[in-house]
């Protein structure tokens, strides 16, 4: 259960990071609200997951998921230039996240 919550929290990290950019310095109401709600839920999920998953692993997975999804979203919808090397690097990041899950021994 902790891993599912951690993954969902990582997805919400991408949501709040994207909303933060769209809030234009908290001058736009709805992106600012989405940012705040997603941030609180994401942090709460990370804290919950850290009860069963080591801090280093949980944080690295949380950040990795958030970073990968934020970059992918920006490349697909936000005008971020896409390139083969960027896609390969994101896949490498995802591979590292999966690797951390496979070697995690905390219970």
N, C-alpha and C. Protein backbone atom coordinates (compact mmCIF):
# COMPACT_ATOMS: atom_id res chain seq x y z
N UNK A 1 0.81 -1.20 0.00
CA UNK A 1 0.00 0.00 0.00
C UNK A 1 0.86 1.27 0.00
N UNK A 2 1.98 1.21 0.76
CA UNK A 2 2.85 2.38 0.83
C UNK A 2 3.42 2.75 -0.53
N UNK A 3 3.75 1.74 -1.34
CA UNK A 3 4.30 2.03 -2.66
C UNK A 3 3.25 2.66 -3.58
N UNK A 4 2.03 2.21 -3.49
CA UNK A 4 0.96 2.81 -4.31
C UNK A 4 0.76 4.26 -3.92
N UNK A 5 0.74 4.53 -2.62
CA UNK A 5 0.57 5.90 -2.15
C UNK A 5 1.75 6.76 -2.55
N UNK A 6 2.95 6.20 -2.48
CA UNK A 6 4.14 6.94 -2.89
C UNK A 6 4.09 7.30 -4.37
N UNK A 7 3.68 6.37 -5.19
CA UNK A 7 3.57 6.64 -6.63
C UNK A 7 2.52 7.72 -6.90
N UNK A 8 1.37 7.61 -6.25
CA UNK A 8 0.32 8.63 -6.41
C UNK A 8 0.83 9.99 -5.94
N UNK A 9 1.59 10.01 -4.86
CA UNK A 9 2.15 11.27 -4.36
C UNK A 9 3.16 11.85 -5.34
N UNK A 10 3.92 10.99 -6.01
CA UNK A 10 4.84 11.45 -7.03
C UNK A 10 4.12 12.08 -8.22
N UNK A 11 2.99 11.47 -8.58
CA UNK A 11 2.17 12.05 -9.66
C UNK A 11 1.66 13.42 -9.23
N UNK A 12 1.22 13.52 -7.98
CA UNK A 12 0.74 14.81 -7.48
C UNK A 12 1.86 15.84 -7.38
N UNK A 13 3.09 15.38 -7.22
CA UNK A 13 4.20 16.33 -7.25
C UNK A 13 4.30 16.99 -8.62
N UNK A 14 4.11 16.20 -9.68
CA UNK A 14 4.11 16.76 -11.03
C UNK A 14 2.95 17.72 -11.21
N UNK A 15 1.80 17.41 -10.61
CA UNK A 15 0.64 18.30 -10.70
C UNK A 15 0.95 19.63 -10.05
N UNK A 16 1.49 19.59 -8.80
CA UNK A 16 1.73 20.88 -8.14
C UNK A 16 2.86 21.66 -8.79
N UNK A 17 3.87 20.97 -9.32
CA UNK A 17 4.96 21.68 -10.00
C UNK A 17 4.45 22.38 -11.25
N UNK A 18 3.61 21.68 -12.00
CA UNK A 18 3.03 22.28 -13.21
C UNK A 18 2.10 23.43 -12.86
N UNK A 19 1.27 23.23 -11.83
CA UNK A 19 0.36 24.30 -11.39
C UNK A 19 1.13 25.52 -10.90
N UNK A 20 2.25 25.28 -10.23
CA UNK A 20 3.07 26.39 -9.76
C UNK A 20 3.53 27.25 -10.93
N UNK A 21 3.98 26.61 -11.99
CA UNK A 21 4.39 27.36 -13.18
C UNK A 21 3.24 28.11 -13.81
N UNK A 22 2.08 27.49 -13.84
CA UNK A 22 0.91 28.12 -14.46
C UNK A 22 0.29 29.21 -13.58
N UNK A 23 0.67 29.24 -12.29
CA UNK A 23 0.11 30.25 -11.38
C UNK A 23 0.71 31.63 -11.61
N UNK A 24 1.81 31.68 -12.35
CA UNK A 24 2.52 32.93 -12.65
C UNK A 24 2.77 33.74 -11.38
N UNK A 25 3.49 33.08 -10.46
CA UNK A 25 3.84 33.76 -9.20
C UNK A 25 2.64 33.94 -8.29
N UNK A 26 1.74 33.00 -8.31
CA UNK A 26 0.49 33.01 -7.51
C UNK A 26 -0.43 34.19 -7.86
N UNK A 27 -0.36 34.62 -9.11
CA UNK A 27 -1.25 35.71 -9.54
C UNK A 27 -2.51 35.17 -10.21
N UNK A 28 -2.55 33.88 -10.51
CA UNK A 28 -3.74 33.25 -11.09
C UNK A 28 -4.36 32.35 -10.04
N UNK A 29 -5.66 32.52 -9.80
CA UNK A 29 -6.33 31.86 -8.69
C UNK A 29 -6.36 30.35 -8.81
N UNK A 30 -6.91 29.80 -9.89
CA UNK A 30 -7.12 28.35 -9.96
C UNK A 30 -5.83 27.55 -10.00
N UNK A 31 -4.84 27.96 -10.77
CA UNK A 31 -3.58 27.21 -10.67
C UNK A 31 -2.96 27.29 -9.27
N UNK A 32 -3.15 28.41 -8.59
CA UNK A 32 -2.63 28.56 -7.22
C UNK A 32 -3.35 27.62 -6.26
N UNK A 33 -4.66 27.47 -6.44
CA UNK A 33 -5.43 26.55 -5.60
C UNK A 33 -5.03 25.11 -5.88
N UNK A 34 -4.90 24.76 -7.16
CA UNK A 34 -4.48 23.40 -7.52
C UNK A 34 -3.10 23.13 -6.92
N UNK A 35 -2.21 24.10 -7.00
CA UNK A 35 -0.88 23.95 -6.42
C UNK A 35 -0.98 23.62 -4.93
N UNK A 36 -1.72 24.41 -4.18
CA UNK A 36 -1.82 24.21 -2.73
C UNK A 36 -2.41 22.87 -2.35
N UNK A 37 -3.49 22.50 -3.00
CA UNK A 37 -4.16 21.23 -2.69
C UNK A 37 -3.26 20.05 -3.05
N UNK A 38 -2.69 20.08 -4.25
CA UNK A 38 -1.82 18.98 -4.68
C UNK A 38 -0.58 18.88 -3.81
N UNK A 39 -0.04 20.02 -3.40
CA UNK A 39 1.15 20.02 -2.55
C UNK A 39 0.87 19.36 -1.20
N UNK A 40 -0.22 19.74 -0.57
CA UNK A 40 -0.55 19.18 0.74
C UNK A 40 -0.80 17.67 0.64
N UNK A 41 -1.57 17.25 -0.35
CA UNK A 41 -1.87 15.81 -0.49
C UNK A 41 -0.60 15.04 -0.85
N UNK A 42 0.22 15.60 -1.73
CA UNK A 42 1.46 14.94 -2.12
C UNK A 42 2.40 14.76 -0.93
N UNK A 43 2.56 15.80 -0.14
CA UNK A 43 3.43 15.71 1.05
C UNK A 43 2.87 14.73 2.08
N UNK A 44 1.56 14.75 2.26
CA UNK A 44 0.95 13.82 3.21
C UNK A 44 1.17 12.38 2.77
N UNK A 45 1.02 12.12 1.47
CA UNK A 45 1.26 10.78 0.95
C UNK A 45 2.71 10.36 1.10
N UNK A 46 3.63 11.29 0.86
CA UNK A 46 5.05 11.00 1.04
C UNK A 46 5.33 10.66 2.49
N UNK A 47 4.78 11.44 3.40
CA UNK A 47 4.98 11.19 4.83
C UNK A 47 4.42 9.82 5.23
N UNK A 48 3.25 9.48 4.71
CA UNK A 48 2.65 8.17 5.00
C UNK A 48 3.54 7.05 4.49
N UNK A 49 4.01 7.18 3.25
CA UNK A 49 4.84 6.13 2.65
C UNK A 49 6.15 5.94 3.40
N UNK A 50 6.67 7.02 3.99
CA UNK A 50 7.93 6.93 4.71
C UNK A 50 7.82 6.15 6.02
N UNK A 51 6.62 5.78 6.40
CA UNK A 51 6.47 4.91 7.57
C UNK A 51 6.97 3.51 7.26
N UNK A 52 6.88 3.09 5.99
CA UNK A 52 7.29 1.74 5.60
C UNK A 52 8.47 1.70 4.63
N UNK A 53 8.76 2.81 3.98
CA UNK A 53 9.82 2.87 2.98
C UNK A 53 10.89 3.81 3.52
N UNK A 54 12.15 3.44 3.37
CA UNK A 54 13.22 4.28 3.90
C UNK A 54 13.15 5.68 3.29
N UNK A 55 13.62 6.65 4.08
CA UNK A 55 13.53 8.05 3.69
C UNK A 55 14.21 8.31 2.35
N UNK A 56 15.44 7.80 2.20
CA UNK A 56 16.18 8.05 0.97
C UNK A 56 15.50 7.47 -0.25
N UNK A 57 15.03 6.25 -0.14
CA UNK A 57 14.34 5.60 -1.26
C UNK A 57 13.03 6.31 -1.56
N UNK A 58 12.23 6.57 -0.53
CA UNK A 58 10.92 7.21 -0.74
C UNK A 58 11.09 8.58 -1.39
N UNK A 59 12.02 9.37 -0.88
CA UNK A 59 12.20 10.72 -1.43
C UNK A 59 12.70 10.67 -2.87
N UNK A 60 13.66 9.79 -3.14
CA UNK A 60 14.19 9.68 -4.49
C UNK A 60 13.12 9.25 -5.48
N UNK A 61 12.30 8.29 -5.09
CA UNK A 61 11.22 7.82 -5.97
C UNK A 61 10.20 8.93 -6.18
N UNK A 62 9.81 9.61 -5.11
CA UNK A 62 8.83 10.71 -5.17
C UNK A 62 9.31 11.81 -6.11
N UNK A 63 10.54 12.24 -5.92
CA UNK A 63 11.10 13.30 -6.76
C UNK A 63 11.27 12.83 -8.20
N UNK A 64 11.74 11.60 -8.37
CA UNK A 64 11.96 11.07 -9.71
C UNK A 64 10.68 10.99 -10.53
N UNK A 65 9.62 10.48 -9.90
CA UNK A 65 8.33 10.41 -10.58
C UNK A 65 7.85 11.81 -10.93
N UNK A 66 7.92 12.70 -9.98
CA UNK A 66 7.47 14.08 -10.21
C UNK A 66 8.26 14.76 -11.31
N UNK A 67 9.57 14.60 -11.28
CA UNK A 67 10.41 15.24 -12.29
C UNK A 67 10.15 14.67 -13.68
N UNK A 68 10.09 13.35 -13.78
CA UNK A 68 9.87 12.72 -15.08
C UNK A 68 8.53 13.15 -15.68
N UNK A 69 7.48 13.11 -14.86
CA UNK A 69 6.16 13.48 -15.38
C UNK A 69 6.06 14.97 -15.70
N UNK A 70 6.72 15.81 -14.91
CA UNK A 70 6.69 17.25 -15.18
C UNK A 70 7.36 17.55 -16.52
N UNK A 71 8.50 16.93 -16.78
CA UNK A 71 9.19 17.15 -18.05
C UNK A 71 8.38 16.59 -19.21
N UNK A 72 7.83 15.39 -19.05
CA UNK A 72 7.00 14.82 -20.12
C UNK A 72 5.80 15.70 -20.43
N UNK A 73 5.12 16.17 -19.39
CA UNK A 73 3.97 17.06 -19.59
C UNK A 73 4.40 18.32 -20.34
N UNK A 74 5.51 18.90 -19.93
CA UNK A 74 5.99 20.12 -20.58
C UNK A 74 6.36 19.87 -22.04
N UNK A 75 6.92 18.71 -22.32
CA UNK A 75 7.27 18.40 -23.71
C UNK A 75 6.03 18.16 -24.57
N UNK A 76 4.99 17.57 -23.98
CA UNK A 76 3.79 17.25 -24.75
C UNK A 76 2.87 18.46 -24.87
N UNK A 77 2.67 19.19 -23.78
CA UNK A 77 1.66 20.25 -23.76
C UNK A 77 2.21 21.66 -23.56
N UNK A 78 3.43 21.78 -23.07
CA UNK A 78 3.89 23.10 -22.65
C UNK A 78 4.93 23.76 -23.51
N UNK A 79 5.22 23.20 -24.65
CA UNK A 79 6.17 23.85 -25.54
C UNK A 79 7.63 23.56 -25.22
N UNK A 80 7.91 22.67 -24.28
CA UNK A 80 9.29 22.25 -24.00
C UNK A 80 9.79 21.46 -25.19
N UNK A 81 10.93 21.82 -25.74
CA UNK A 81 11.44 21.06 -26.88
C UNK A 81 11.74 19.62 -26.50
N UNK A 82 11.28 18.71 -27.32
CA UNK A 82 11.53 17.28 -27.10
C UNK A 82 12.70 16.84 -27.98
N UNK A 83 13.46 15.90 -27.46
CA UNK A 83 14.55 15.33 -28.25
C UNK A 83 14.73 13.88 -27.82
N UNK A 84 15.39 13.14 -28.65
CA UNK A 84 15.64 11.73 -28.35
C UNK A 84 16.44 11.60 -27.06
N UNK A 85 17.43 12.45 -26.87
CA UNK A 85 18.26 12.35 -25.67
C UNK A 85 17.44 12.64 -24.41
N UNK A 86 16.53 13.60 -24.46
CA UNK A 86 15.68 13.89 -23.30
C UNK A 86 14.80 12.69 -22.97
N UNK A 87 14.22 12.09 -23.99
CA UNK A 87 13.36 10.92 -23.77
C UNK A 87 14.18 9.77 -23.19
N UNK A 88 15.37 9.55 -23.71
CA UNK A 88 16.23 8.49 -23.18
C UNK A 88 16.64 8.76 -21.74
N UNK A 89 16.92 9.99 -21.42
CA UNK A 89 17.28 10.33 -20.04
C UNK A 89 16.10 10.14 -19.09
N UNK A 90 14.90 10.49 -19.53
CA UNK A 90 13.70 10.26 -18.71
C UNK A 90 13.49 8.76 -18.51
N UNK A 91 13.67 7.99 -19.56
CA UNK A 91 13.57 6.52 -19.42
C UNK A 91 14.61 5.99 -18.45
N UNK A 92 15.80 6.56 -18.48
CA UNK A 92 16.84 6.17 -17.52
C UNK A 92 16.42 6.49 -16.10
N UNK A 93 15.80 7.65 -15.91
CA UNK A 93 15.30 8.04 -14.59
C UNK A 93 14.22 7.06 -14.12
N UNK A 94 13.33 6.70 -15.00
CA UNK A 94 12.28 5.73 -14.66
C UNK A 94 12.91 4.38 -14.31
N UNK A 95 13.92 3.99 -15.05
CA UNK A 95 14.62 2.75 -14.74
C UNK A 95 15.26 2.79 -13.36
N UNK A 96 15.82 3.92 -12.98
CA UNK A 96 16.40 4.06 -11.64
C UNK A 96 15.33 3.98 -10.57
N UNK A 97 14.16 4.55 -10.82
CA UNK A 97 13.05 4.49 -9.86
C UNK A 97 12.63 3.03 -9.67
N UNK A 98 12.48 2.31 -10.77
CA UNK A 98 12.11 0.89 -10.67
C UNK A 98 13.20 0.13 -9.94
N UNK A 99 14.45 0.44 -10.21
CA UNK A 99 15.55 -0.21 -9.52
C UNK A 99 15.52 0.02 -8.02
N UNK A 100 15.20 1.24 -7.60
CA UNK A 100 15.09 1.53 -6.17
C UNK A 100 14.00 0.70 -5.53
N UNK A 101 12.90 0.52 -6.24
CA UNK A 101 11.82 -0.32 -5.72
C UNK A 101 12.30 -1.76 -5.56
N UNK A 102 13.01 -2.25 -6.53
CA UNK A 102 13.45 -3.64 -6.51
C UNK A 102 14.46 -3.94 -5.42
N UNK A 103 15.29 -2.95 -5.06
CA UNK A 103 16.31 -3.20 -4.05
C UNK A 103 15.89 -2.75 -2.65
N UNK A 104 14.71 -2.15 -2.52
CA UNK A 104 14.25 -1.67 -1.21
C UNK A 104 14.04 -2.85 -0.28
N UNK A 105 14.65 -2.77 0.89
CA UNK A 105 14.51 -3.84 1.87
C UNK A 105 13.79 -3.38 3.13
N UNK A 106 13.40 -2.11 3.19
CA UNK A 106 12.69 -1.60 4.39
C UNK A 106 11.29 -2.18 4.46
N UNK A 107 10.86 -2.52 5.63
CA UNK A 107 9.51 -3.05 5.83
C UNK A 107 8.87 -2.35 7.00
